[in-house]
Amino acid sequence: SAVVPGNFCANALTGGWRVGLSVSGPSGIASGYGKHWSGRYHMDESALAFFAASAVLAYKVNDKLSLAAGPYGMYVDSNIETRINNLLPDYPDGRVQLEEEGAALGITLGSVYPFPDATRVGVTYRSELKPDLEGTPSFHNIDPLLRETLAAAHLLGTEVDVDFVIPAQLQAGYYTEFSERWSMTGDLMWIDM
C-alpha cells in the first residue's frame, strides 16, 4: 500500500470568475521479483510514477452553464533494474539500472451544466502529453570482458531517450441528490489509446 498525495483548492474571484489549483500523484506502479527469479535478465525491479499539477480559470456564463480552461503538466519518473549474465565464468550476475524522467504541458477544458432536481452533468477534456523521458544506464558488477564489449559498442554512458505518451482523455460525470443525505454519481471515460 502507498499514500497518494493530492491537494486541491478553488477560490471565487470577482463576477462569475473562479480559479482552481491542483497538485497530485494520480497514478503509479511498481514491481520487484527478486534477484534469483528466472526472468531476472528481462526485468528485476521497475517503478513508474506520475505527478500532476493544473491551474484552471472558470467562468459562470449563466445560471445553467459554467466553462473552464487552463494548463496542466505531468512529471514522469521511471526506474528499471535488470540483472546481467556476465560472460566470464565464476562472475555473479551484474546489474543495469536505468532511471529516466521527463515532463510535458497540456491543456484541460471543462464545463458543468445543472438540471432541475439537484442534478448536474460535467465534462472534462485533457489533451495528450508527450514527456520525453531521458536517462543514462548505469552498469554495476559486470566482468571486464563484458565491460570492454559494451564500451566497444558505445553503450557505456550513452543516454537513452524514450518517447512516452500520456493519452488524451474525455470524461463525463453525472451527479444527483435524492435527499440531504443521499446522492449518486456516475462517470464515463474515453481514453485515446
C-alpha atoms as a PDB file:
ATOM      1  CA  SER A   1       0.000   0.000   0.000  1.00  0.00           C
ATOM      2  CA  ALA A   2       1.049   3.603  -0.509  1.00  0.00           C
ATOM      3  CA  VAL A   3      -0.060   7.114   0.325  1.00  0.00           C
ATOM      4  CA  VAL A   4      -1.169   9.067  -2.766  1.00  0.00           C
ATOM      5  CA  PRO A   5      -0.830  12.811  -2.187  1.00  0.00           C
ATOM      6  CA  GLY A   6      -3.332  15.312  -3.523  1.00  0.00           C
ATOM      7  CA  ASN A   7      -4.069  18.967  -2.847  1.00  0.00           C
ATOM      8  CA  PHE A   8      -6.995  20.773  -4.455  1.00  0.00           C
ATOM      9  CA  CYS A   9      -8.363  24.269  -3.910  1.00  0.00           C
ATOM     10  CA  ALA A  10     -10.801  26.674  -5.554  1.00  0.00           C
ATOM     11  CA  ASN A  11     -11.445  30.378  -4.911  1.00  0.00           C
ATOM     12  CA  ALA A  12     -14.060  32.844  -6.060  1.00  0.00           C
ATOM     13  CA  LEU A  13     -12.846  35.928  -7.906  1.00  0.00           C
ATOM     14  CA  THR A  14     -14.915  38.933  -8.979  1.00  0.00           C
ATOM     15  CA  GLY A  15     -18.075  38.451 -11.019  1.00  0.00           C
ATOM     16  CA  GLY A  16     -18.672  34.889 -12.160  1.00  0.00           C
ATOM     17  CA  TRP A  17     -14.964  34.007 -12.252  1.00  0.00           C
ATOM     18  CA  ARG A  18     -13.322  31.216 -10.220  1.00  0.00           C
ATOM     19  CA  VAL A  19      -9.781  29.858 -10.067  1.00  0.00           C
ATOM     20  CA  GLY A  20      -8.769  26.306  -9.186  1.00  0.00           C
ATOM     21  CA  LEU A  21      -5.409  24.684  -8.481  1.00  0.00           C
ATOM     22  CA  SER A  22      -4.456  21.053  -8.009  1.00  0.00           C
ATOM     23  CA  VAL A  23      -1.296  19.077  -7.321  1.00  0.00           C
ATOM     24  CA  SER A  24      -1.497  15.289  -7.106  1.00  0.00           C
ATOM     25  CA  GLY A  25       0.112  11.937  -7.728  1.00  0.00           C
ATOM     26  CA  PRO A  26      -2.637  10.494  -9.950  1.00  0.00           C
ATOM     27  CA  SER A  27      -1.004   7.168 -10.744  1.00  0.00           C
ATOM     28  CA  GLY A  28       1.945   4.877 -10.266  1.00  0.00           C
ATOM     29  CA  ILE A  29       3.021   1.253 -10.399  1.00  0.00           C
ATOM     30  CA  ALA A  30       5.961  -0.770  -9.095  1.00  0.00           C
ATOM     31  CA  SER A  31       7.110  -4.383  -9.166  1.00  0.00           C
ATOM     32  CA  GLY A  32      10.008  -6.360  -7.753  1.00  0.00           C
ATOM     33  CA  TYR A  33      10.670 -10.041  -8.428  1.00  0.00           C
ATOM     34  CA  GLY A  34      13.926 -10.639  -6.563  1.00  0.00           C
ATOM     35  CA  LYS A  35      17.414 -11.244  -7.895  1.00  0.00           C
ATOM     36  CA  HIS A  36      17.020 -15.033  -8.248  1.00  0.00           C
ATOM     37  CA  TRP A  37      13.831 -15.357 -10.280  1.00  0.00           C
ATOM     38  CA  SER A  38      14.065 -16.980 -13.734  1.00  0.00           C
ATOM     39  CA  GLY A  39      13.210 -13.775 -15.655  1.00  0.00           C
ATOM     40  CA  ARG A  40      15.801 -11.598 -13.885  1.00  0.00           C
ATOM     41  CA  TYR A  41      17.664 -10.961 -17.183  1.00  0.00           C
ATOM     42  CA  HIS A  42      14.465  -9.449 -18.596  1.00  0.00           C
ATOM     43  CA  MET A  43      13.448  -7.347 -15.562  1.00  0.00           C
ATOM     44  CA  ASP A  44      14.200  -7.442 -11.865  1.00  0.00           C
ATOM     45  CA  GLU A  45      12.545  -4.295 -10.484  1.00  0.00           C
ATOM     46  CA  SER A  46      10.558  -1.456 -12.020  1.00  0.00           C
ATOM     47  CA  ALA A  47       8.732   1.656 -10.865  1.00  0.00           C
ATOM     48  CA  LEU A  48       6.726   4.268 -12.760  1.00  0.00           C
ATOM     49  CA  ALA A  49       5.272   7.343 -11.006  1.00  0.00           C
ATOM     50  CA  PHE A  50       3.257  10.302 -12.257  1.00  0.00           C
ATOM     51  CA  PHE A  51       2.905  13.732 -10.618  1.00  0.00           C
ATOM     52  CA  ALA A  52       0.410  16.254 -11.995  1.00  0.00           C
ATOM     53  CA  ALA A  53      -0.392  19.925 -11.469  1.00  0.00           C
ATOM     54  CA  SER A  54      -3.067  22.101 -13.040  1.00  0.00           C
ATOM     55  CA  ALA A  55      -4.456  25.619 -12.820  1.00  0.00           C
ATOM     56  CA  VAL A  56      -7.939  26.334 -14.164  1.00  0.00           C
ATOM     57  CA  LEU A  57      -9.834  29.576 -14.689  1.00  0.00           C
ATOM     58  CA  ALA A  58     -13.618  29.099 -14.740  1.00  0.00           C
ATOM     59  CA  TYR A  59     -16.486  31.419 -15.647  1.00  0.00           C
ATOM     60  CA  LYS A  60     -20.196  31.062 -14.858  1.00  0.00           C
ATOM     61  CA  VAL A  61     -21.756  32.038 -18.188  1.00  0.00           C
ATOM     62  CA  ASN A  62     -25.317  31.992 -16.787  1.00  0.00           C
ATOM     63  CA  ASP A  63     -27.385  30.056 -14.225  1.00  0.00           C
ATOM     64  CA  LYS A  64     -27.112  26.957 -16.386  1.00  0.00           C
ATOM     65  CA  LEU A  65     -23.581  26.818 -17.754  1.00  0.00           C
ATOM     66  CA  SER A  66     -20.044  27.152 -16.391  1.00  0.00           C
ATOM     67  CA  LEU A  67     -16.903  26.800 -18.549  1.00  0.00           C
ATOM     68  CA  ALA A  68     -13.266  26.290 -17.513  1.00  0.00           C
ATOM     69  CA  ALA A  69      -9.848  26.060 -19.162  1.00  0.00           C
ATOM     70  CA  GLY A  70      -6.220  26.031 -18.132  1.00  0.00           C
ATOM     71  CA  PRO A  71      -2.812  24.399 -18.392  1.00  0.00           C
ATOM     72  CA  TYR A  72      -1.866  21.148 -16.774  1.00  0.00           C
ATOM     73  CA  GLY A  73       1.505  19.492 -16.506  1.00  0.00           C
ATOM     74  CA  MET A  74       2.727  15.997 -15.817  1.00  0.00           C
ATOM     75  CA  TYR A  75       6.099  14.842 -14.468  1.00  0.00           C
ATOM     76  CA  VAL A  76       7.010  11.180 -15.070  1.00  0.00           C
ATOM     77  CA  ASP A  77       9.690   9.241 -13.188  1.00  0.00           C
ATOM     78  CA  SER A  78      10.700   5.746 -14.353  1.00  0.00           C
ATOM     79  CA  ASN A  79      13.211   3.331 -12.812  1.00  0.00           C
ATOM     80  CA  ILE A  80      14.062  -0.105 -14.258  1.00  0.00           C
ATOM     81  CA  GLU A  81      16.638  -2.574 -12.959  1.00  0.00           C
ATOM     82  CA  THR A  82      17.697  -5.784 -14.695  1.00  0.00           C
ATOM     83  CA  ARG A  83      20.275  -8.468 -13.938  1.00  0.00           C
ATOM     84  CA  ILE A  84      23.072  -9.163 -16.446  1.00  0.00           C
ATOM     85  CA  ASN A  85      24.527 -12.610 -17.112  1.00  0.00           C
ATOM     86  CA  ASN A  86      28.283 -11.940 -17.138  1.00  0.00           C
ATOM     87  CA  LEU A  87      30.375 -13.501 -19.938  1.00  0.00           C
ATOM     88  CA  LEU A  88      33.253 -14.834 -17.835  1.00  0.00           C
ATOM     89  CA  PRO A  89      32.678 -17.924 -15.670  1.00  0.00           C
ATOM     90  CA  ASP A  90      32.673 -17.566 -11.874  1.00  0.00           C
ATOM     91  CA  TYR A  91      31.329 -13.983 -12.044  1.00  0.00           C
ATOM     92  CA  PRO A  92      27.982 -13.447 -10.301  1.00  0.00           C
ATOM     93  CA  ASP A  93      25.195 -11.570 -12.034  1.00  0.00           C
ATOM     94  CA  GLY A  94      25.853  -7.954 -12.901  1.00  0.00           C
ATOM     95  CA  ARG A  95      23.168  -5.293 -12.903  1.00  0.00           C
ATOM     96  CA  VAL A  96      21.995  -2.438 -15.139  1.00  0.00           C
ATOM     97  CA  GLN A  97      19.775   0.355 -13.855  1.00  0.00           C
ATOM     98  CA  LEU A  98      18.007   2.983 -15.954  1.00  0.00           C
ATOM     99  CA  GLU A  99      16.358   5.938 -14.253  1.00  0.00           C
ATOM    100  CA  GLU A 100      14.545   8.330 -16.578  1.00  0.00           C
ATOM    101  CA  GLU A 101      12.424  11.392 -16.057  1.00  0.00           C
ATOM    102  CA  GLY A 102      10.555  13.890 -18.176  1.00  0.00           C
ATOM    103  CA  ALA A 103       7.754  16.446 -18.122  1.00  0.00           C
ATOM    104  CA  ALA A 104       5.185  17.897 -20.507  1.00  0.00           C
ATOM    105  CA  LEU A 105       2.478  20.569 -20.594  1.00  0.00           C
ATOM    106  CA  GLY A 106      -1.023  20.295 -21.999  1.00  0.00           C
ATOM    107  CA  ILE A 107      -4.459  21.849 -21.692  1.00  0.00           C
ATOM    108  CA  THR A 108      -7.577  20.919 -19.794  1.00  0.00           C
ATOM    109  CA  LEU A 109     -11.113  22.066 -20.671  1.00  0.00           C
ATOM    110  CA  GLY A 110     -14.282  21.593 -18.668  1.00  0.00           C
ATOM    111  CA  SER A 111     -17.933  22.502 -18.330  1.00  0.00           C
ATOM    112  CA  VAL A 112     -20.777  21.954 -15.863  1.00  0.00           C
ATOM    113  CA  TYR A 113     -24.480  22.125 -16.668  1.00  0.00           C
ATOM    114  CA  PRO A 114     -27.090  21.867 -13.870  1.00  0.00           C
ATOM    115  CA  PHE A 115     -30.576  20.426 -14.343  1.00  0.00           C
ATOM    116  CA  PRO A 116     -33.630  20.754 -12.087  1.00  0.00           C
ATOM    117  CA  ASP A 117     -33.963  18.480  -9.048  1.00  0.00           C
ATOM    118  CA  ALA A 118     -30.339  18.891  -7.810  1.00  0.00           C
ATOM    119  CA  THR A 119     -28.773  17.168 -10.822  1.00  0.00           C
ATOM    120  CA  ARG A 120     -25.759  18.288 -12.821  1.00  0.00           C
ATOM    121  CA  VAL A 121     -23.573  16.951 -15.613  1.00  0.00           C
ATOM    122  CA  GLY A 122     -19.915  17.805 -16.127  1.00  0.00           C
ATOM    123  CA  VAL A 123     -17.488  17.160 -18.978  1.00  0.00           C
ATOM    124  CA  THR A 124     -13.676  17.372 -18.792  1.00  0.00           C
ATOM    125  CA  TYR A 125     -11.100  17.027 -21.578  1.00  0.00           C
ATOM    126  CA  ARG A 126      -7.341  16.638 -21.054  1.00  0.00           C
ATOM    127  CA  SER A 127      -5.014  16.846 -24.049  1.00  0.00           C
ATOM    128  CA  GLU A 128      -2.377  14.271 -24.948  1.00  0.00           C
ATOM    129  CA  LEU A 129       1.036  14.736 -23.304  1.00  0.00           C
ATOM    130  CA  LYS A 130       4.408  13.553 -24.604  1.00  0.00           C
ATOM    131  CA  PRO A 131       7.041  13.802 -21.871  1.00  0.00           C
ATOM    132  CA  ASP A 132      10.429  12.915 -23.389  1.00  0.00           C
ATOM    133  CA  LEU A 133      11.991  10.519 -20.878  1.00  0.00           C
ATOM    134  CA  GLU A 134      15.784  10.726 -20.740  1.00  0.00           C
ATOM    135  CA  GLY A 135      18.386   8.897 -18.683  1.00  0.00           C
ATOM    136  CA  THR A 136      21.752   7.136 -18.807  1.00  0.00           C
ATOM    137  CA  PRO A 137      22.024   3.458 -17.815  1.00  0.00           C
ATOM    138  CA  SER A 138      24.437   2.629 -15.013  1.00  0.00           C
ATOM    139  CA  PHE A 139      26.160  -0.776 -15.006  1.00  0.00           C
ATOM    140  CA  HIS A 140      27.272  -2.490 -11.782  1.00  0.00           C
ATOM    141  CA  ASN A 141      29.411  -5.599 -11.114  1.00  0.00           C
ATOM    142  CA  ILE A 142      29.976  -6.522 -14.757  1.00  0.00           C
ATOM    143  CA  ASP A 143      33.022  -8.554 -15.718  1.00  0.00           C
ATOM    144  CA  PRO A 144      35.945  -6.966 -17.653  1.00  0.00           C
ATOM    145  CA  LEU A 145      35.122  -8.771 -20.927  1.00  0.00           C
ATOM    146  CA  LEU A 146      31.507  -7.576 -20.886  1.00  0.00           C
ATOM    147  CA  ARG A 147      32.616  -4.040 -19.946  1.00  0.00           C
ATOM    148  CA  GLU A 148      35.002  -3.955 -22.948  1.00  0.00           C
ATOM    149  CA  THR A 149      32.283  -5.330 -25.246  1.00  0.00           C
ATOM    150  CA  LEU A 150      29.800  -2.655 -24.108  1.00  0.00           C
ATOM    151  CA  ALA A 151      32.443   0.084 -24.454  1.00  0.00           C
ATOM    152  CA  ALA A 152      33.354  -1.066 -27.996  1.00  0.00           C
ATOM    153  CA  ALA A 153      29.656  -0.876 -28.944  1.00  0.00           C
ATOM    154  CA  HIS A 154      29.455   2.636 -27.401  1.00  0.00           C
ATOM    155  CA  LEU A 155      26.812   1.508 -24.896  1.00  0.00           C
ATOM    156  CA  LEU A 156      28.535   2.744 -21.728  1.00  0.00           C
ATOM    157  CA  GLY A 157      27.482   6.283 -20.796  1.00  0.00           C
ATOM    158  CA  THR A 158      25.049   6.568 -23.719  1.00  0.00           C
ATOM    159  CA  GLU A 159      21.850   8.468 -22.974  1.00  0.00           C
ATOM    160  CA  VAL A 160      18.574   6.655 -23.634  1.00  0.00           C
ATOM    161  CA  ASP A 161      15.531   8.611 -24.867  1.00  0.00           C
ATOM    162  CA  VAL A 162      12.060   7.082 -24.668  1.00  0.00           C
ATOM    163  CA  ASP A 163       9.055   8.528 -26.496  1.00  0.00           C
ATOM    164  CA  PHE A 164       6.346   8.280 -23.841  1.00  0.00           C
ATOM    165  CA  VAL A 165       2.684   9.197 -24.475  1.00  0.00           C
ATOM    166  CA  ILE A 166       0.000  10.019 -21.924  1.00  0.00           C
ATOM    167  CA  PRO A 167      -3.193   9.718 -23.979  1.00  0.00           C
ATOM    168  CA  ALA A 168      -5.923  12.339 -24.322  1.00  0.00           C
ATOM    169  CA  GLN A 169      -8.922  11.782 -22.046  1.00  0.00           C
ATOM    170  CA  LEU A 170     -12.566  12.786 -22.175  1.00  0.00           C
ATOM    171  CA  GLN A 171     -14.633  12.263 -19.023  1.00  0.00           C
ATOM    172  CA  ALA A 172     -18.337  12.851 -18.398  1.00  0.00           C
ATOM    173  CA  GLY A 173     -19.741  12.858 -14.885  1.00  0.00           C
ATOM    174  CA  TYR A 174     -23.282  12.758 -13.521  1.00  0.00           C
ATOM    175  CA  TYR A 175     -24.396  13.855 -10.026  1.00  0.00           C
ATOM    176  CA  THR A 176     -27.856  13.882  -8.478  1.00  0.00           C
ATOM    177  CA  GLU A 177     -29.217  14.310  -4.943  1.00  0.00           C
ATOM    178  CA  PHE A 178     -32.095  12.167  -3.680  1.00  0.00           C
ATOM    179  CA  SER A 179     -32.235  13.891  -0.287  1.00  0.00           C
ATOM    180  CA  GLU A 180     -29.958  15.857   2.045  1.00  0.00           C
ATOM    181  CA  ARG A 181     -28.193  12.607   2.999  1.00  0.00           C
ATOM    182  CA  TRP A 182     -28.294  10.567  -0.228  1.00  0.00           C
ATOM    183  CA  SER A 183     -26.751  11.292  -3.606  1.00  0.00           C
ATOM    184  CA  MET A 184     -25.430   9.349  -6.582  1.00  0.00           C
ATOM    185  CA  THR A 185     -22.558   9.883  -9.011  1.00  0.00           C
ATOM    186  CA  GLY A 186     -21.530   8.156 -12.201  1.00  0.00           C
ATOM    187  CA  ASP A 187     -18.637   8.651 -14.642  1.00  0.00           C
ATOM    188  CA  LEU A 188     -17.799   7.584 -18.165  1.00  0.00           C
ATOM    189  CA  MET A 189     -14.278   7.976 -19.516  1.00  0.00           C
ATOM    190  CA  TRP A 190     -12.821   7.687 -23.002  1.00  0.00           C
ATOM    191  CA  ILE A 191      -9.026   7.326 -23.266  1.00  0.00           C
ATOM    192  CA  ASP A 192      -7.394   7.685 -26.694  1.00  0.00           C
ATOM    193  CA  MET A 193      -5.149   4.626 -26.606  1.00  0.00           C
END
